[in-house]
Amino acid sequence: MNKTTVLEVVRPLAVGIGIFGATAAIGAAQAPNPCAPVAPPGPIAWNAFDPTYNSVDAWQTPWDTGAYDRNHVLLGTVGKFAPNRLTVASTQGDTMTVDLKEGTVILPTGAKPTAGQRVAVFGYWSNGTFIANRVILHG
């Protein structure tokens, strides 16, 4: 006949509770997306589509502070411009090639992007490429 001591019963239970508590604490400490940029104060969250963008035709002051929809708008500086391509450099120095489709509007009307000019590109992602619907030049 085996005699079970209290320690033999309590030890596995205590270890299980400790593991459960540790995993719960680790899970609670996780951020949903630790690489996501911090949304600046203001009415537009970085990950929310602002329907008023459909009517924007000039540079917006909040863009200077980073308040814009990062899923549908690219902000940066013009690196190079060709009739169907625009290279945009971010403030971190990364560059991205944007495709300009037939019908892409460049505002102000008649303006041509030049290297070093600040730019906002409205569009969408398609197969890893950003396609521009509208390009707004700053000053």
Protein backbone atom coordinates (compact mmCIF):
# COMPACT_ATOMS: atom_id res chain seq x y z
CA MET A 1 0.00 0.00 0.00
CA ASN A 2 1.37 3.41 -1.06
CA LYS A 3 1.11 6.31 1.22
CA THR A 4 0.72 9.64 -0.52
CA THR A 5 2.08 12.62 1.30
CA VAL A 6 0.56 16.06 1.11
CA LEU A 7 3.70 17.32 -0.60
CA GLU A 8 3.35 14.78 -3.43
CA VAL A 9 -0.20 16.01 -4.08
CA VAL A 10 0.40 19.75 -3.69
CA ARG A 11 3.67 20.02 -5.65
CA PRO A 12 2.23 19.20 -9.13
CA LEU A 13 -0.75 21.40 -8.41
CA ALA A 14 1.50 24.32 -7.39
CA VAL A 15 3.70 23.87 -10.49
CA GLY A 16 0.61 23.82 -12.73
CA ILE A 17 -0.79 26.98 -11.16
CA GLY A 18 2.62 28.66 -11.52
CA ILE A 19 2.87 27.77 -15.21
CA PHE A 20 -0.71 28.89 -15.84
CA GLY A 21 -0.06 32.21 -14.05
CA ALA A 22 3.17 32.84 -15.96
CA THR A 23 1.61 32.17 -19.37
CA ALA A 24 -1.34 34.40 -18.51
CA ALA A 25 1.03 37.22 -17.53
CA ILE A 26 3.05 36.81 -20.74
CA GLY A 27 -0.13 36.83 -22.83
CA ALA A 28 -1.43 39.94 -21.09
CA ALA A 29 1.86 41.75 -21.72
CA GLN A 30 1.76 41.18 -25.49
CA ALA A 31 0.87 44.14 -27.71
CA PRO A 32 -1.51 43.37 -30.57
CA ASN A 33 0.95 44.84 -33.10
CA PRO A 34 4.21 45.93 -31.49
CA CYS A 35 5.59 47.29 -34.79
CA ALA A 36 2.63 49.55 -35.48
CA PRO A 37 3.33 53.28 -35.37
CA VAL A 38 1.88 55.19 -32.48
CA ALA A 39 -1.13 57.20 -33.55
CA PRO A 40 -0.58 60.92 -33.07
CA PRO A 41 -3.17 62.89 -31.17
CA GLY A 42 -5.91 64.10 -33.44
CA PRO A 43 -9.10 63.03 -35.09
CA ILE A 44 -7.58 60.59 -37.64
CA ALA A 45 -6.16 57.30 -36.42
CA TRP A 46 -3.28 55.90 -38.47
CA ASN A 47 -5.20 52.75 -39.37
CA ALA A 48 -8.66 54.17 -40.05
CA PHE A 49 -9.85 55.18 -43.50
CA ASP A 50 -10.97 58.78 -43.58
CA PRO A 51 -13.73 59.10 -46.20
CA THR A 52 -13.06 62.82 -46.54
CA TYR A 53 -9.86 61.86 -48.42
CA ASN A 54 -12.03 61.37 -51.50
CA SER A 55 -12.48 65.15 -51.65
CA VAL A 56 -8.97 66.27 -50.61
CA ASP A 57 -7.29 68.31 -53.33
CA ALA A 58 -4.63 70.26 -51.41
CA TRP A 59 -1.93 69.60 -48.81
CA GLN A 60 -3.39 69.07 -45.32
CA THR A 61 -1.71 70.52 -42.23
CA PRO A 62 -2.20 67.35 -40.08
CA TRP A 63 0.02 65.46 -42.53
CA ASP A 64 2.96 67.49 -41.24
CA THR A 65 2.48 65.87 -37.82
CA GLY A 66 1.91 62.34 -39.11
CA ALA A 67 -1.90 62.22 -38.85
CA TYR A 68 -3.04 60.36 -41.95
CA ASP A 69 -4.39 57.00 -43.12
CA ARG A 70 -1.26 54.89 -43.69
CA ASN A 71 -3.20 52.18 -45.51
CA HIS A 72 -4.34 54.43 -48.36
CA VAL A 73 -1.91 57.36 -48.35
CA LEU A 74 1.86 57.56 -48.70
CA LEU A 75 3.67 60.67 -47.50
CA GLY A 76 7.22 61.46 -48.36
CA THR A 77 9.59 63.31 -50.63
CA VAL A 78 9.82 62.90 -54.38
CA GLY A 79 12.98 61.07 -55.36
CA LYS A 80 12.35 60.65 -59.07
CA PHE A 81 9.41 61.21 -61.40
CA ALA A 82 8.63 59.59 -64.76
CA PRO A 83 5.28 59.63 -66.60
CA ASN A 84 4.16 56.28 -65.12
CA ARG A 85 6.36 56.05 -62.03
CA LEU A 86 7.07 58.06 -58.93
CA THR A 87 9.76 57.24 -56.39
CA VAL A 88 8.87 58.41 -52.89
CA ALA A 89 11.37 58.57 -50.01
CA SER A 90 10.13 58.34 -46.41
CA THR A 91 11.51 60.43 -43.54
CA GLN A 92 13.52 57.34 -42.53
CA GLY A 93 15.19 57.28 -45.97
CA ASP A 94 13.36 54.24 -47.35
CA THR A 95 12.25 54.55 -50.97
CA MET A 96 9.20 53.11 -52.69
CA THR A 97 8.24 53.06 -56.34
CA VAL A 98 4.61 54.03 -56.96
CA ASP A 99 2.83 53.21 -60.20
CA LEU A 100 0.83 56.01 -61.78
CA LYS A 101 -2.06 54.61 -63.77
CA GLU A 102 -3.84 56.25 -66.66
CA GLY A 103 -6.11 58.80 -65.04
CA THR A 104 -3.94 59.46 -61.96
CA VAL A 105 -4.59 63.07 -60.97
CA ILE A 106 -1.63 65.28 -59.98
CA LEU A 107 -2.60 68.34 -57.93
CA PRO A 108 -2.22 71.26 -58.17
CA THR A 109 -3.36 70.82 -61.76
CA GLY A 110 -0.51 71.27 -64.22
CA ALA A 111 2.21 70.75 -61.60
CA LYS A 112 4.94 68.17 -62.12
CA PRO A 113 6.59 66.39 -59.17
CA THR A 114 10.22 67.43 -58.73
CA ALA A 115 12.96 65.81 -56.68
CA GLY A 116 12.92 66.97 -53.06
CA GLN A 117 9.29 68.10 -53.11
CA ARG A 118 6.96 66.79 -50.39
CA VAL A 119 4.17 64.60 -51.73
CA ALA A 120 1.04 62.76 -50.59
CA VAL A 121 0.00 59.84 -52.76
CA PHE A 122 -3.55 58.51 -52.46
CA GLY A 123 -4.15 55.01 -53.76
CA TYR A 124 -4.28 51.34 -52.95
CA TRP A 125 -2.11 48.24 -52.75
CA SER A 126 -2.29 45.68 -55.57
CA ASN A 127 -0.02 42.62 -55.60
CA GLY A 128 2.64 44.37 -53.52
CA THR A 129 2.60 47.57 -55.59
CA PHE A 130 1.11 50.90 -54.52
CA ILE A 131 -1.11 52.25 -57.32
CA ALA A 132 -1.74 56.01 -57.27
CA ASN A 133 -5.18 57.49 -57.82
CA ARG A 134 -4.15 61.01 -56.85
CA VAL A 135 -0.88 62.79 -56.11
CA ILE A 136 -0.89 65.99 -54.05
CA LEU A 137 2.23 68.14 -54.07
CA HIS A 138 3.21 70.38 -51.17
CA GLY A 139 3.87 73.99 -52.08
